[in-house]
Amino acid sequence: MFEKFNWIVWLILVILWNYGFPNASPFQDVVVAVILSLLFIIIKLIRSRYLHKTNSRSKNSI
């Protein structure tokens, strides 16, 4: 479910970029899409590490 949410947010941001900056070149469109993708990958990694830490703490504290 979280993956679908991330994808939808990414898509909305790309669409907003395209409508917000209609004069942007195709190269700029690709660069922004790649940057947004990398940002969401980083968020996913941080979230998975945080969840892994919280899950391992709760298992050890029992």
N, C-alpha and C. Protein backbone atom coordinates (compact mmCIF):
# COMPACT_ATOMS: atom_id res chain seq x y z
N MET A 1 0.82 -1.19 0.00
CA MET A 1 0.00 0.00 0.00
C MET A 1 0.86 1.25 0.00
N PHE A 2 1.92 1.23 0.80
CA PHE A 2 2.81 2.39 0.86
C PHE A 2 3.47 2.64 -0.48
N GLU A 3 3.78 1.56 -1.22
CA GLU A 3 4.40 1.70 -2.54
C GLU A 3 3.47 2.42 -3.51
N LYS A 4 2.19 2.07 -3.49
CA LYS A 4 1.23 2.73 -4.36
C LYS A 4 1.08 4.20 -4.00
N PHE A 5 1.06 4.49 -2.70
CA PHE A 5 0.97 5.87 -2.24
C PHE A 5 2.16 6.68 -2.73
N ASN A 6 3.37 6.12 -2.60
CA ASN A 6 4.57 6.82 -3.08
C ASN A 6 4.50 7.07 -4.57
N TRP A 7 4.04 6.08 -5.31
CA TRP A 7 3.97 6.23 -6.76
C TRP A 7 2.97 7.31 -7.14
N ILE A 8 1.83 7.34 -6.47
CA ILE A 8 0.81 8.35 -6.77
C ILE A 8 1.32 9.75 -6.43
N VAL A 9 1.99 9.90 -5.29
CA VAL A 9 2.55 11.21 -4.92
C VAL A 9 3.60 11.63 -5.94
N TRP A 10 4.46 10.70 -6.35
CA TRP A 10 5.48 11.00 -7.36
C TRP A 10 4.82 11.46 -8.66
N LEU A 11 3.80 10.74 -9.08
CA LEU A 11 3.09 11.09 -10.32
C LEU A 11 2.45 12.48 -10.22
N ILE A 12 1.83 12.78 -9.10
CA ILE A 12 1.22 14.10 -8.91
C ILE A 12 2.27 15.19 -8.96
N LEU A 13 3.42 14.96 -8.33
CA LEU A 13 4.49 15.97 -8.36
C LEU A 13 5.02 16.17 -9.77
N VAL A 14 5.16 15.10 -10.54
CA VAL A 14 5.62 15.23 -11.93
C VAL A 14 4.59 16.00 -12.76
N ILE A 15 3.32 15.71 -12.56
CA ILE A 15 2.27 16.42 -13.30
C ILE A 15 2.26 17.89 -12.91
N LEU A 16 2.38 18.18 -11.61
CA LEU A 16 2.44 19.58 -11.17
C LEU A 16 3.63 20.30 -11.77
N TRP A 17 4.76 19.61 -11.85
CA TRP A 17 5.94 20.20 -12.48
C TRP A 17 5.64 20.54 -13.94
N ASN A 18 5.05 19.61 -14.66
CA ASN A 18 4.78 19.82 -16.08
C ASN A 18 3.79 20.95 -16.32
N TYR A 19 2.78 21.07 -15.48
CA TYR A 19 1.82 22.17 -15.64
C TYR A 19 2.34 23.48 -15.05
N GLY A 20 3.17 23.39 -14.03
CA GLY A 20 3.72 24.59 -13.40
C GLY A 20 4.80 25.25 -14.23
N PHE A 21 5.53 24.44 -14.97
CA PHE A 21 6.61 24.95 -15.81
C PHE A 21 6.43 24.42 -17.24
N PRO A 22 5.44 24.95 -17.96
CA PRO A 22 5.16 24.42 -19.29
C PRO A 22 6.26 24.70 -20.31
N ASN A 23 7.10 25.68 -20.04
CA ASN A 23 8.17 26.03 -20.98
C ASN A 23 9.46 25.26 -20.71
N ALA A 24 9.44 24.34 -19.76
CA ALA A 24 10.64 23.57 -19.45
C ALA A 24 10.97 22.65 -20.62
N SER A 25 12.26 22.48 -20.82
CA SER A 25 12.70 21.60 -21.91
C SER A 25 12.47 20.14 -21.52
N PRO A 26 12.45 19.25 -22.51
CA PRO A 26 12.32 17.82 -22.19
C PRO A 26 13.44 17.33 -21.26
N PHE A 27 14.63 17.88 -21.43
CA PHE A 27 15.75 17.51 -20.56
C PHE A 27 15.44 17.89 -19.11
N GLN A 28 14.90 19.07 -18.89
CA GLN A 28 14.55 19.49 -17.54
C GLN A 28 13.45 18.60 -16.96
N ASP A 29 12.50 18.21 -17.79
CA ASP A 29 11.44 17.30 -17.33
C ASP A 29 12.03 15.98 -16.85
N VAL A 30 12.96 15.45 -17.61
CA VAL A 30 13.59 14.17 -17.24
C VAL A 30 14.41 14.33 -15.96
N VAL A 31 15.15 15.43 -15.85
CA VAL A 31 15.98 15.65 -14.67
C VAL A 31 15.10 15.73 -13.42
N VAL A 32 14.00 16.46 -13.49
CA VAL A 32 13.12 16.59 -12.34
C VAL A 32 12.49 15.24 -11.99
N ALA A 33 12.08 14.48 -12.99
CA ALA A 33 11.50 13.15 -12.72
C ALA A 33 12.53 12.24 -12.05
N VAL A 34 13.77 12.29 -12.50
CA VAL A 34 14.83 11.45 -11.90
C VAL A 34 15.10 11.89 -10.47
N ILE A 35 15.17 13.21 -10.24
CA ILE A 35 15.42 13.71 -8.89
C ILE A 35 14.29 13.29 -7.96
N LEU A 36 13.06 13.41 -8.41
CA LEU A 36 11.93 12.97 -7.58
C LEU A 36 12.00 11.47 -7.31
N SER A 37 12.37 10.69 -8.31
CA SER A 37 12.50 9.24 -8.11
C SER A 37 13.56 8.92 -7.07
N LEU A 38 14.71 9.58 -7.18
CA LEU A 38 15.78 9.36 -6.21
C LEU A 38 15.36 9.78 -4.81
N LEU A 39 14.64 10.88 -4.72
CA LEU A 39 14.14 11.34 -3.43
C LEU A 39 13.23 10.30 -2.79
N PHE A 40 12.34 9.72 -3.59
CA PHE A 40 11.43 8.72 -3.04
C PHE A 40 12.16 7.42 -2.71
N ILE A 41 13.21 7.09 -3.44
CA ILE A 41 14.02 5.92 -3.09
C ILE A 41 14.71 6.14 -1.75
N ILE A 42 15.25 7.34 -1.55
CA ILE A 42 15.91 7.67 -0.28
C ILE A 42 14.92 7.62 0.86
N ILE A 43 13.73 8.17 0.65
CA ILE A 43 12.68 8.13 1.68
C ILE A 43 12.33 6.69 2.01
N LYS A 44 12.23 5.84 1.00
CA LYS A 44 11.92 4.42 1.22
C LYS A 44 13.02 3.74 2.04
N LEU A 45 14.28 4.03 1.73
CA LEU A 45 15.39 3.43 2.48
C LEU A 45 15.38 3.89 3.93
N ILE A 46 15.18 5.18 4.14
CA ILE A 46 15.15 5.71 5.50
C ILE A 46 14.00 5.10 6.27
N ARG A 47 12.86 5.00 5.63
CA ARG A 47 11.68 4.43 6.30
C ARG A 47 11.91 2.96 6.65
N SER A 48 12.51 2.20 5.72
CA SER A 48 12.73 0.79 6.00
C SER A 48 13.76 0.60 7.11
N ARG A 49 14.78 1.45 7.15
CA ARG A 49 15.77 1.35 8.24
C ARG A 49 15.13 1.70 9.57
N TYR A 50 14.29 2.74 9.58
CA TYR A 50 13.62 3.13 10.81
C TYR A 50 12.69 2.02 11.30
N LEU A 51 11.92 1.44 10.39
CA LEU A 51 11.02 0.36 10.78
C LEU A 51 11.79 -0.86 11.26
N HIS A 52 12.92 -1.13 10.62
CA HIS A 52 13.74 -2.27 11.03
C HIS A 52 14.29 -2.06 12.44
N LYS A 53 14.72 -0.82 12.73
CA LYS A 53 15.25 -0.53 14.07
C LYS A 53 14.16 -0.65 15.12
N THR A 54 12.98 -0.12 14.84
CA THR A 54 11.91 -0.18 15.83
C THR A 54 11.43 -1.60 16.04
N ASN A 55 11.40 -2.41 14.98
CA ASN A 55 10.98 -3.80 15.12
C ASN A 55 12.01 -4.61 15.90
N SER A 56 13.28 -4.37 15.66
CA SER A 56 14.32 -5.12 16.37
C SER A 56 14.37 -4.72 17.84
N ARG A 57 14.10 -3.46 18.15
CA ARG A 57 14.07 -3.03 19.55
C ARG A 57 12.93 -3.68 20.29
N SER A 58 11.78 -3.74 19.67
CA SER A 58 10.63 -4.31 20.38
C SER A 58 10.80 -5.81 20.59
N LYS A 59 11.47 -6.51 19.70
CA LYS A 59 11.71 -7.94 19.88
C LYS A 59 12.70 -8.20 21.01
N ASN A 60 13.71 -7.33 21.13
CA ASN A 60 14.73 -7.53 22.15
C ASN A 60 14.26 -7.12 23.54
N SER A 61 13.29 -6.26 23.63
CA SER A 61 12.87 -5.76 24.94
C SER A 61 11.92 -6.70 25.65
N ILE A 62 11.47 -7.74 24.99
CA ILE A 62 10.52 -8.68 25.63
C ILE A 62 11.20 -9.58 26.60
